[in-house]
C-alpha atoms as a PDB file:
ATOM      1  CA  MET A   1      -1.052  -5.959  -7.020  1.00  0.00           C
ATOM      2  CA  ALA A   2       1.361  -8.541  -8.864  1.00  0.00           C
ATOM      3  CA  GLY A   3      -1.788 -10.798  -8.982  1.00  0.00           C
ATOM      4  CA  THR A   4      -5.133 -11.757  -7.355  1.00  0.00           C
ATOM      5  CA  THR A   5      -5.680 -15.422  -6.038  1.00  0.00           C
ATOM      6  CA  LYS A   6      -6.856 -16.710  -9.601  1.00  0.00           C
ATOM      7  CA  GLY A   7      -3.794 -18.710  -9.245  1.00  0.00           C
ATOM      8  CA  ASP A   8      -4.628 -20.806  -5.943  1.00  0.00           C
ATOM      9  CA  SER A   9      -1.924 -23.103  -5.893  1.00  0.00           C
ATOM     10  CA  TRP A  10       0.305 -23.089  -2.822  1.00  0.00           C
ATOM     11  CA  PRO A  11       3.129 -23.403  -2.287  1.00  0.00           C
ATOM     12  CA  PRO A  12       3.998 -21.785  -5.062  1.00  0.00           C
ATOM     13  CA  LYS A  13       5.271 -23.632  -7.702  1.00  0.00           C
ATOM     14  CA  PHE A  14       8.904 -23.131  -8.930  1.00  0.00           C
ATOM     15  CA  GLU A  15       8.154 -20.652 -12.058  1.00  0.00           C
ATOM     16  CA  GLU A  16       6.068 -18.874 -10.114  1.00  0.00           C
ATOM     17  CA  PHE A  17       9.041 -16.846  -8.674  1.00  0.00           C
ATOM     18  CA  PHE A  18       9.884 -16.169 -12.053  1.00  0.00           C
ATOM     19  CA  TYR A  19       6.622 -14.293 -13.372  1.00  0.00           C
ATOM     20  CA  ILE A  20       7.559 -11.477 -14.656  1.00  0.00           C
ATOM     21  CA  PRO A  21       5.034  -9.062 -12.251  1.00  0.00           C
ATOM     22  CA  ASN A  22       7.182 -10.639  -9.462  1.00  0.00           C
ATOM     23  CA  ILE A  23      10.233 -10.116 -10.816  1.00  0.00           C
ATOM     24  CA  ILE A  24       8.879  -6.337 -10.946  1.00  0.00           C
ATOM     25  CA  ASP A  25       8.344  -6.800  -7.234  1.00  0.00           C
ATOM     26  CA  TYR A  26      11.662  -7.604  -6.395  1.00  0.00           C
ATOM     27  CA  PHE A  27      12.912  -4.545  -8.244  1.00  0.00           C
ATOM     28  CA  ARG A  28      10.629  -2.988  -5.717  1.00  0.00           C
ATOM     29  CA  VAL A  29      12.527  -4.295  -2.840  1.00  0.00           C
ATOM     30  CA  VAL A  30      16.059  -3.216  -4.452  1.00  0.00           C
ATOM     31  CA  SER A  31      14.724   0.576  -4.598  1.00  0.00           C
ATOM     32  CA  LEU A  32      13.721   0.159  -1.270  1.00  0.00           C
ATOM     33  CA  ILE A  33      16.870  -0.939  -0.271  1.00  0.00           C
ATOM     34  CA  ILE A  34      18.548   1.608  -2.165  1.00  0.00           C
ATOM     35  CA  ALA A  35      16.156   4.801  -1.254  1.00  0.00           C
ATOM     36  CA  CYS A  36      17.495   4.070   2.411  1.00  0.00           C
ATOM     37  CA  GLN A  37      20.801   4.413   1.728  1.00  0.00           C
ATOM     38  CA  GLY A  38      21.030   8.318   0.988  1.00  0.00           C
ATOM     39  CA  SER A  39      19.396  11.821   1.703  1.00  0.00           C
ATOM     40  CA  ASP A  40      15.604  12.592   2.354  1.00  0.00           C
ATOM     41  CA  LEU A  41      15.470  13.398  -1.532  1.00  0.00           C
ATOM     42  CA  HIS A  42      17.259  10.426  -2.365  1.00  0.00           C
ATOM     43  CA  PHE A  43      15.215   8.255  -0.253  1.00  0.00           C
ATOM     44  CA  VAL A  44      12.000  10.080  -1.807  1.00  0.00           C
ATOM     45  CA  ILE A  45      13.155   9.539  -5.678  1.00  0.00           C
ATOM     46  CA  TRP A  46      13.710   5.452  -4.793  1.00  0.00           C
ATOM     47  CA  TYR A  47      10.923   5.224  -3.169  1.00  0.00           C
ATOM     48  CA  SER A  48       8.522   6.596  -5.730  1.00  0.00           C
ATOM     49  CA  ILE A  49      10.346   4.369  -8.422  1.00  0.00           C
ATOM     50  CA  SER A  50       9.538   1.760  -6.035  1.00  0.00           C
ATOM     51  CA  TYR A  51       5.446   3.398  -6.445  1.00  0.00           C
ATOM     52  CA  LEU A  52       5.695   3.238  -9.921  1.00  0.00           C
ATOM     53  CA  LEU A  53       6.391   0.129 -10.286  1.00  0.00           C
ATOM     54  CA  ASP A  54       3.886  -1.352  -7.944  1.00  0.00           C
ATOM     55  CA  ALA A  55       1.679   0.295 -10.318  1.00  0.00           C
ATOM     56  CA  ILE A  56       2.261  -1.839 -12.784  1.00  0.00           C
ATOM     57  CA  ASP A  57       2.613  -5.177 -11.464  1.00  0.00           C
ATOM     58  CA  GLY A  58      -0.791  -6.378 -10.984  1.00  0.00           C
ATOM     59  CA  GLU A  59      -1.203  -5.144 -15.052  1.00  0.00           C
ATOM     60  CA  ALA A  60       2.005  -7.234 -15.809  1.00  0.00           C
ATOM     61  CA  ALA A  61      -0.312 -10.084 -14.189  1.00  0.00           C
ATOM     62  CA  ARG A  62      -2.844  -9.624 -15.734  1.00  0.00           C
ATOM     63  CA  TYR A  63      -1.404  -8.998 -19.352  1.00  0.00           C
ATOM     64  CA  PHE A  64       0.772 -11.666 -19.519  1.00  0.00           C
ATOM     65  CA  ASN A  65      -2.026 -14.074 -17.403  1.00  0.00           C
ATOM     66  CA  GLN A  66       0.388 -14.824 -14.355  1.00  0.00           C
ATOM     67  CA  CYS A  67      -1.614 -14.116 -11.329  1.00  0.00           C
ATOM     68  CA  SER A  68      -0.482 -16.558  -8.598  1.00  0.00           C
ATOM     69  CA  LYS A  69      -1.229 -16.195  -4.554  1.00  0.00           C
ATOM     70  CA  LEU A  70       2.590 -15.772  -4.585  1.00  0.00           C
ATOM     71  CA  GLY A  71       2.508 -12.579  -6.168  1.00  0.00           C
ATOM     72  CA  TYR A  72      -0.570 -11.317  -4.029  1.00  0.00           C
ATOM     73  CA  TYR A  73       1.088 -12.076  -0.885  1.00  0.00           C
ATOM     74  CA  LEU A  74       4.433 -10.324  -2.222  1.00  0.00           C
ATOM     75  CA  ASP A  75       2.748  -7.267  -3.807  1.00  0.00           C
ATOM     76  CA  MET A  76       0.898  -6.925  -0.402  1.00  0.00           C
ATOM     77  CA  ALA A  77       3.708  -7.327   1.813  1.00  0.00           C
ATOM     78  CA  ILE A  78       6.065  -5.038   0.073  1.00  0.00           C
ATOM     79  CA  ASP A  79       3.072  -2.478   0.212  1.00  0.00           C
ATOM     80  CA  ARG A  80       2.817  -2.692   3.733  1.00  0.00           C
ATOM     81  CA  PHE A  81       6.501  -2.515   3.962  1.00  0.00           C
ATOM     82  CA  SER A  82       6.981   0.929   2.036  1.00  0.00           C
ATOM     83  CA  SER A  83       4.269   2.344   3.194  1.00  0.00           C
ATOM     84  CA  SER A  84       5.420   1.958   7.246  1.00  0.00           C
ATOM     85  CA  LEU A  85       9.019   2.782   5.904  1.00  0.00           C
ATOM     86  CA  ALA A  86       7.745   5.989   4.732  1.00  0.00           C
ATOM     87  CA  LEU A  87       5.244   7.014   7.875  1.00  0.00           C
ATOM     88  CA  TYR A  88       7.760   5.758  10.113  1.00  0.00           C
ATOM     89  CA  LEU A  89      10.322   8.328   8.468  1.00  0.00           C
ATOM     90  CA  ALA A  90       8.182  10.922   8.129  1.00  0.00           C
ATOM     91  CA  SER A  91       7.207  10.505  11.536  1.00  0.00           C
ATOM     92  CA  GLN A  92      10.406  10.807  13.005  1.00  0.00           C
ATOM     93  CA  LYS A  93      11.577  14.245  11.139  1.00  0.00           C
ATOM     94  CA  LEU A  94       8.784  16.314  12.696  1.00  0.00           C
ATOM     95  CA  ASP A  95       8.698  18.182  15.533  1.00  0.00           C
ATOM     96  CA  ASN A  96       5.152  18.345  16.082  1.00  0.00           C
ATOM     97  CA  LEU A  97       4.234  15.251  18.384  1.00  0.00           C
ATOM     98  CA  LEU A  98       0.486  15.606  17.403  1.00  0.00           C
ATOM     99  CA  ILE A  99       1.493  14.725  13.990  1.00  0.00           C
ATOM    100  CA  SER A 100       4.270  12.137  14.486  1.00  0.00           C
ATOM    101  CA  PHE A 101       1.791  10.272  16.856  1.00  0.00           C
ATOM    102  CA  THR A 102      -0.830  10.611  14.037  1.00  0.00           C
ATOM    103  CA  LEU A 103       1.191   9.228  11.536  1.00  0.00           C
ATOM    104  CA  LEU A 104       2.832   6.476  13.518  1.00  0.00           C
ATOM    105  CA  LEU A 105      -0.966   5.444  14.534  1.00  0.00           C
ATOM    106  CA  SER A 106      -1.700   5.229  10.497  1.00  0.00           C
ATOM    107  CA  LEU A 107       1.206   2.707  10.612  1.00  0.00           C
ATOM    108  CA  LEU A 108      -0.401   0.696  12.870  1.00  0.00           C
ATOM    109  CA  VAL A 109      -4.142   1.026  12.428  1.00  0.00           C
ATOM    110  CA  VAL A 110      -4.200   1.302   8.484  1.00  0.00           C
ATOM    111  CA  GLU A 111      -0.868  -0.697   7.455  1.00  0.00           C
ATOM    112  CA  ILE A 112      -0.649  -3.307  10.057  1.00  0.00           C
ATOM    113  CA  LEU A 113      -3.979  -4.042  11.208  1.00  0.00           C
ATOM    114  CA  ALA A 114      -5.941  -3.074   8.384  1.00  0.00           C
ATOM    115  CA  HIS A 115      -4.364  -4.697   5.697  1.00  0.00           C
ATOM    116  CA  GLY A 116      -3.358  -7.754   7.833  1.00  0.00           C
ATOM    117  CA  VAL A 117      -6.827  -8.372   8.511  1.00  0.00           C
ATOM    118  CA  VAL A 118      -8.430  -8.357   5.702  1.00  0.00           C
ATOM    119  CA  MET A 119      -5.784 -10.497   4.447  1.00  0.00           C
ATOM    120  CA  TYR A 120      -6.382 -13.314   7.290  1.00  0.00           C
ATOM    121  CA  TYR A 121     -10.021 -13.100   6.157  1.00  0.00           C
ATOM    122  CA  GLY A 122      -9.556 -12.933   2.653  1.00  0.00           C
ATOM    123  CA  GLU A 123      -8.151 -16.749   3.693  1.00  0.00           C
ATOM    124  CA  VAL A 124     -10.219 -17.740   6.031  1.00  0.00           C
ATOM    125  CA  LEU A 125     -13.362 -16.579   4.455  1.00  0.00           C
ATOM    126  CA  LYS A 126     -11.961 -16.919   1.175  1.00  0.00           C
ATOM    127  CA  LEU A 127     -13.216 -12.879   0.077  1.00  0.00           C
ATOM    128  CA  HIS A 128     -11.322 -10.456  -2.091  1.00  0.00           C
ATOM    129  CA  GLN A 129     -10.075  -7.485  -0.329  1.00  0.00           C
ATOM    130  CA  LYS A 130     -12.106  -5.597  -2.563  1.00  0.00           C
ATOM    131  CA  GLU A 131     -15.058  -7.422  -0.938  1.00  0.00           C
ATOM    132  CA  MET A 132     -14.754  -6.443   2.425  1.00  0.00           C
ATOM    133  CA  GLY A 133     -16.507  -3.613   4.145  1.00  0.00           C
ATOM    134  CA  GLY A 134     -18.172  -2.860   0.362  1.00  0.00           C
ATOM    135  CA  ASP A 135     -21.951  -1.838   2.610  1.00  0.00           C
ATOM    136  CA  PHE A 136     -20.093   1.511   3.751  1.00  0.00           C
ATOM    137  CA  THR A 137     -19.672   4.076   1.069  1.00  0.00           C
ATOM    138  CA  ILE A 138     -16.283   5.128   2.088  1.00  0.00           C
ATOM    139  CA  VAL A 139     -14.779   1.932   1.001  1.00  0.00           C
ATOM    140  CA  ARG A 140     -17.037   1.537  -2.340  1.00  0.00           C
ATOM    141  CA  LEU A 141     -15.674   5.111  -3.255  1.00  0.00           C
ATOM    142  CA  TYR A 142     -12.299   4.087  -2.181  1.00  0.00           C
ATOM    143  CA  LEU A 143     -11.917   0.716  -3.930  1.00  0.00           C
ATOM    144  CA  GLY A 144     -15.312   1.299  -6.111  1.00  0.00           C
ATOM    145  CA  SER A 145     -13.046   2.313  -9.473  1.00  0.00           C
ATOM    146  CA  LYS A 146      -9.402   3.049 -10.381  1.00  0.00           C
ATOM    147  CA  LYS A 147      -9.797   6.752  -9.928  1.00  0.00           C
ATOM    148  CA  GLY A 148     -10.429   6.598  -6.819  1.00  0.00           C
ATOM    149  CA  LEU A 149      -8.242   4.198  -5.337  1.00  0.00           C
ATOM    150  CA  ALA A 150      -5.260   6.248  -7.430  1.00  0.00           C
ATOM    151  CA  PHE A 151      -6.073   9.288  -5.841  1.00  0.00           C
ATOM    152  CA  ALA A 152      -6.606   7.961  -2.367  1.00  0.00           C
ATOM    153  CA  CYS A 153      -2.865   6.165  -2.607  1.00  0.00           C
ATOM    154  CA  ILE A 154      -1.097   8.640  -4.732  1.00  0.00           C
ATOM    155  CA  SER A 155      -2.366  11.625  -1.907  1.00  0.00           C
ATOM    156  CA  TYR A 156      -1.298   9.051   0.904  1.00  0.00           C
ATOM    157  CA  GLU A 157       1.882   8.626  -0.394  1.00  0.00           C
ATOM    158  CA  GLY A 158       2.166  12.567  -1.624  1.00  0.00           C
ATOM    159  CA  PHE A 159       1.160  13.451   2.286  1.00  0.00           C
ATOM    160  CA  VAL A 160       3.788  11.433   3.648  1.00  0.00           C
ATOM    161  CA  LEU A 161       6.884  12.050   1.049  1.00  0.00           C
ATOM    162  CA  SER A 162       6.277  16.051   1.270  1.00  0.00           C
ATOM    163  CA  LEU A 163       6.552  15.830   5.259  1.00  0.00           C
ATOM    164  CA  ILE A 164       9.360  13.738   4.634  1.00  0.00           C
ATOM    165  CA  LEU A 165      10.802  16.424   2.623  1.00  0.00           C
ATOM    166  CA  GLN A 166       9.530  19.011   4.775  1.00  0.00           C
ATOM    167  CA  SER A 167       7.423  20.586   1.682  1.00  0.00           C
ATOM    168  CA  PRO A 168       5.759  24.044   2.450  1.00  0.00           C
ATOM    169  CA  ILE A 169       2.505  23.544   4.267  1.00  0.00           C
ATOM    170  CA  TRP A 170       0.534  24.219   0.950  1.00  0.00           C
ATOM    171  CA  VAL A 171       2.289  21.076  -0.463  1.00  0.00           C
ATOM    172  CA  ASN A 172       1.052  19.015   2.453  1.00  0.00           C
ATOM    173  CA  LEU A 173      -2.657  20.831   2.562  1.00  0.00           C
ATOM    174  CA  VAL A 174      -3.077  19.296  -1.531  1.00  0.00           C
ATOM    175  CA  PHE A 175      -1.986  15.807  -0.221  1.00  0.00           C
ATOM    176  CA  LEU A 176      -4.353  15.835   3.399  1.00  0.00           C
ATOM    177  CA  PRO A 177      -7.749  14.939   2.088  1.00  0.00           C
ATOM    178  CA  GLY A 178      -6.491  12.076   0.149  1.00  0.00           C
ATOM    179  CA  PHE A 179      -4.482  10.961   3.388  1.00  0.00           C
ATOM    180  CA  VAL A 180      -7.375  10.931   5.374  1.00  0.00           C
ATOM    181  CA  PHE A 181      -9.854   9.722   3.085  1.00  0.00           C
ATOM    182  CA  ARG A 182      -7.708   6.391   2.267  1.00  0.00           C
ATOM    183  CA  ALA A 183      -7.032   5.961   6.286  1.00  0.00           C
ATOM    184  CA  ALA A 184     -10.518   6.231   6.996  1.00  0.00           C
ATOM    185  CA  ALA A 185     -11.749   3.573   4.070  1.00  0.00           C
ATOM    186  CA  ASN A 186      -9.140   1.491   5.284  1.00  0.00           C
ATOM    187  CA  THR A 187      -9.851   1.935   9.116  1.00  0.00           C
ATOM    188  CA  THR A 188     -13.445   1.369   7.861  1.00  0.00           C
ATOM    189  CA  ARG A 189     -12.220  -2.073   6.228  1.00  0.00           C
ATOM    190  CA  LEU A 190     -11.220  -3.575   9.414  1.00  0.00           C
ATOM    191  CA  TYR A 191     -14.240  -2.508  11.637  1.00  0.00           C
ATOM    192  CA  ALA A 192     -16.539  -4.388   9.134  1.00  0.00           C
ATOM    193  CA  CYS A 193     -14.145  -7.284   9.100  1.00  0.00           C
ATOM    194  CA  LEU A 194     -14.044  -7.441  12.964  1.00  0.00           C
ATOM    195  CA  CYS A 195     -17.382  -6.753  13.149  1.00  0.00           C
ATOM    196  CA  ARG A 196     -18.645  -9.933  10.922  1.00  0.00           C
END
């Protein structure tokens, strides 16, 4: 993530627009635009570049001491847009209506509702998003370690991208457990927020 809410200034200061992690996020947007300009393989390559940039923006924010609320929102918005884009594209590639519906439901529940509610509650209750739903084992497993988070996120994206490429079924099955795990953890976070 490009920044945490450590820098609580809003509206952002002019120089925050030029923080290194935010510039990395601008390149993520450019990569996603390029991704939409070609074949499925072209999409997957440029989408993956954007995803790799996402893996370093938060580290850059901490390394350069450039955490900001702008970076936090920018990162979260790009994450939601990119995952939603891939889920939608994958749903359109499939002949199986049940799987297509499941992908669109994941887009709505996980990417839009769960993350949107978590961001909203973070602002209203001043809780960091990782603190919401921590009473549930699945959420602790998901957010409690970088390895758990990496497994879930890489699997989630890998599953969707393998559907876009119409990969052999065994490839989809390799990524499916992490896809389900991430979806379940974020749905649990949504439930925890709504039950507050």
